[in-house]
Amino acid sequence: MAGLKLKLGMPEVAARVDTMHAREADGWRKTRLLAVKLAARGESTSAEIAELCGIARGHLFVWLRVVRERGLDALLQRGKPGPQEGVCRGVKAKVM
């Protein structure tokens, strides 16, 4: 039995995401945009999109919820900050 195709159901996002995805450099933002782009097309299952993007299905559903509730720009913001400048994770301050 084939899975149900995942559909974002937001044509205004589908129109913007192709352009944004094409302009984005490789990285986590491009991966998120690709996932939303595939969902907006409505031609793939959630499992297929997750496998193609190299993410867990749970991440995909979280990202789609963010897009539906807060928009595409909110998807491209990270919730937790990275390390401070001059700090390496896992390296003690004395060593630095």
C-alpha atoms as a PDB file:
ATOM      1  CA  MET A   1       0.000   0.000   0.000  1.00  0.00           C
ATOM      2  CA  ALA A   2       1.415   3.351  -1.026  1.00  0.00           C
ATOM      3  CA  GLY A   3       1.518   6.105   1.571  1.00  0.00           C
ATOM      4  CA  LEU A   4      -0.534   9.253   1.376  1.00  0.00           C
ATOM      5  CA  LYS A   5       1.047  12.150  -0.434  1.00  0.00           C
ATOM      6  CA  LEU A   6       1.969  15.006   1.871  1.00  0.00           C
ATOM      7  CA  LYS A   7       0.392  18.329   0.902  1.00  0.00           C
ATOM      8  CA  LEU A   8       1.267  21.647   2.476  1.00  0.00           C
ATOM      9  CA  GLY A   9      -1.907  23.326   1.263  1.00  0.00           C
ATOM     10  CA  MET A  10      -0.439  26.824   1.110  1.00  0.00           C
ATOM     11  CA  PRO A  11      -0.152  28.049  -2.507  1.00  0.00           C
ATOM     12  CA  GLU A  12       1.357  31.392  -1.433  1.00  0.00           C
ATOM     13  CA  VAL A  13       4.277  29.536   0.177  1.00  0.00           C
ATOM     14  CA  ALA A  14       4.690  27.229  -2.802  1.00  0.00           C
ATOM     15  CA  ALA A  15       5.171  30.242  -5.067  1.00  0.00           C
ATOM     16  CA  ARG A  16       7.966  31.715  -2.888  1.00  0.00           C
ATOM     17  CA  VAL A  17       9.814  28.583  -1.817  1.00  0.00           C
ATOM     18  CA  ASP A  18      11.164  27.665  -5.278  1.00  0.00           C
ATOM     19  CA  THR A  19      12.916  31.017  -5.634  1.00  0.00           C
ATOM     20  CA  MET A  20      14.214  31.009  -2.072  1.00  0.00           C
ATOM     21  CA  HIS A  21      15.534  27.446  -2.406  1.00  0.00           C
ATOM     22  CA  ALA A  22      17.377  28.252  -5.630  1.00  0.00           C
ATOM     23  CA  ARG A  23      19.114  31.286  -4.077  1.00  0.00           C
ATOM     24  CA  GLU A  24      20.122  29.614  -0.813  1.00  0.00           C
ATOM     25  CA  ALA A  25      23.652  28.292  -0.318  1.00  0.00           C
ATOM     26  CA  ASP A  26      24.063  24.708   0.867  1.00  0.00           C
ATOM     27  CA  GLY A  27      23.352  24.235   4.549  1.00  0.00           C
ATOM     28  CA  TRP A  28      20.554  23.753   7.043  1.00  0.00           C
ATOM     29  CA  ARG A  29      18.418  26.523   5.525  1.00  0.00           C
ATOM     30  CA  LYS A  30      18.514  24.907   2.081  1.00  0.00           C
ATOM     31  CA  THR A  31      17.520  21.554   3.594  1.00  0.00           C
ATOM     32  CA  ARG A  32      14.499  23.098   5.307  1.00  0.00           C
ATOM     33  CA  LEU A  33      13.455  24.890   2.131  1.00  0.00           C
ATOM     34  CA  LEU A  34      13.797  21.696   0.099  1.00  0.00           C
ATOM     35  CA  ALA A  35      11.538  19.830   2.529  1.00  0.00           C
ATOM     36  CA  VAL A  36       8.871  22.533   2.333  1.00  0.00           C
ATOM     37  CA  LYS A  37       9.257  22.739  -1.451  1.00  0.00           C
ATOM     38  CA  LEU A  38       8.601  19.018  -1.814  1.00  0.00           C
ATOM     39  CA  ALA A  39       5.619  19.184   0.550  1.00  0.00           C
ATOM     40  CA  ALA A  40       4.224  22.149  -1.381  1.00  0.00           C
ATOM     41  CA  ARG A  41       4.361  20.148  -4.609  1.00  0.00           C
ATOM     42  CA  GLY A  42       2.287  17.390  -3.006  1.00  0.00           C
ATOM     43  CA  GLU A  43       3.895  14.593  -5.019  1.00  0.00           C
ATOM     44  CA  SER A  44       5.749  12.734  -2.238  1.00  0.00           C
ATOM     45  CA  THR A  45       5.003  11.038   1.060  1.00  0.00           C
ATOM     46  CA  SER A  46       6.457  12.322   4.318  1.00  0.00           C
ATOM     47  CA  ALA A  47       8.788   9.316   4.441  1.00  0.00           C
ATOM     48  CA  GLU A  48      10.090  10.038   0.927  1.00  0.00           C
ATOM     49  CA  ILE A  49      10.698  13.715   1.727  1.00  0.00           C
ATOM     50  CA  ALA A  50      12.443  12.884   5.007  1.00  0.00           C
ATOM     51  CA  GLU A  51      14.694  10.321   3.333  1.00  0.00           C
ATOM     52  CA  LEU A  52      15.584  12.630   0.456  1.00  0.00           C
ATOM     53  CA  CYS A  53      16.420  15.508   2.833  1.00  0.00           C
ATOM     54  CA  GLY A  54      18.273  13.264   5.303  1.00  0.00           C
ATOM     55  CA  ILE A  55      16.050  14.207   8.241  1.00  0.00           C
ATOM     56  CA  ALA A  56      13.672  12.478  10.629  1.00  0.00           C
ATOM     57  CA  ARG A  57       9.973  12.592   9.739  1.00  0.00           C
ATOM     58  CA  GLY A  58       9.346  14.308  13.067  1.00  0.00           C
ATOM     59  CA  HIS A  59      11.543  17.230  12.016  1.00  0.00           C
ATOM     60  CA  LEU A  60       9.597  17.511   8.774  1.00  0.00           C
ATOM     61  CA  PHE A  61       6.273  17.780  10.592  1.00  0.00           C
ATOM     62  CA  VAL A  62       7.680  20.360  13.018  1.00  0.00           C
ATOM     63  CA  TRP A  63       8.968  22.456  10.112  1.00  0.00           C
ATOM     64  CA  LEU A  64       5.631  22.273   8.276  1.00  0.00           C
ATOM     65  CA  ARG A  65       3.781  23.302  11.434  1.00  0.00           C
ATOM     66  CA  VAL A  66       6.117  26.300  11.800  1.00  0.00           C
ATOM     67  CA  VAL A  67       5.404  27.331   8.193  1.00  0.00           C
ATOM     68  CA  ARG A  68       1.645  26.961   8.650  1.00  0.00           C
ATOM     69  CA  GLU A  69       1.536  28.836  11.963  1.00  0.00           C
ATOM     70  CA  ARG A  70       4.254  31.488  11.604  1.00  0.00           C
ATOM     71  CA  GLY A  71       5.243  31.591   7.931  1.00  0.00           C
ATOM     72  CA  LEU A  72       8.207  30.702   5.786  1.00  0.00           C
ATOM     73  CA  ASP A  73      10.534  33.286   7.337  1.00  0.00           C
ATOM     74  CA  ALA A  74      10.088  31.694  10.784  1.00  0.00           C
ATOM     75  CA  LEU A  75      11.294  28.384   9.342  1.00  0.00           C
ATOM     76  CA  LEU A  76      14.634  29.965   8.527  1.00  0.00           C
ATOM     77  CA  GLN A  77      15.336  31.066  12.090  1.00  0.00           C
ATOM     78  CA  ARG A  78      17.083  28.822  14.565  1.00  0.00           C
ATOM     79  CA  GLY A  79      15.744  28.607  18.077  1.00  0.00           C
ATOM     80  CA  LYS A  80      19.030  28.104  19.889  1.00  0.00           C
ATOM     81  CA  PRO A  81      22.103  30.260  19.422  1.00  0.00           C
ATOM     82  CA  GLY A  82      25.418  28.916  18.295  1.00  0.00           C
ATOM     83  CA  PRO A  83      28.626  29.176  20.291  1.00  0.00           C
ATOM     84  CA  GLN A  84      29.964  32.572  21.205  1.00  0.00           C
ATOM     85  CA  GLU A  85      32.821  33.955  19.160  1.00  0.00           C
ATOM     86  CA  GLY A  86      36.169  32.615  20.314  1.00  0.00           C
ATOM     87  CA  VAL A  87      34.629  29.552  21.972  1.00  0.00           C
ATOM     88  CA  CYS A  88      34.901  25.974  20.748  1.00  0.00           C
ATOM     89  CA  ARG A  89      32.389  23.464  22.054  1.00  0.00           C
ATOM     90  CA  GLY A  90      34.008  20.814  24.196  1.00  0.00           C
ATOM     91  CA  VAL A  91      37.262  22.748  24.632  1.00  0.00           C
ATOM     92  CA  LYS A  92      37.973  24.166  28.064  1.00  0.00           C
ATOM     93  CA  ALA A  93      38.695  27.887  28.407  1.00  0.00           C
ATOM     94  CA  LYS A  94      42.166  27.130  29.804  1.00  0.00           C
ATOM     95  CA  VAL A  95      43.072  25.269  26.636  1.00  0.00           C
ATOM     96  CA  MET A  96      41.860  28.083  24.398  1.00  0.00           C
END
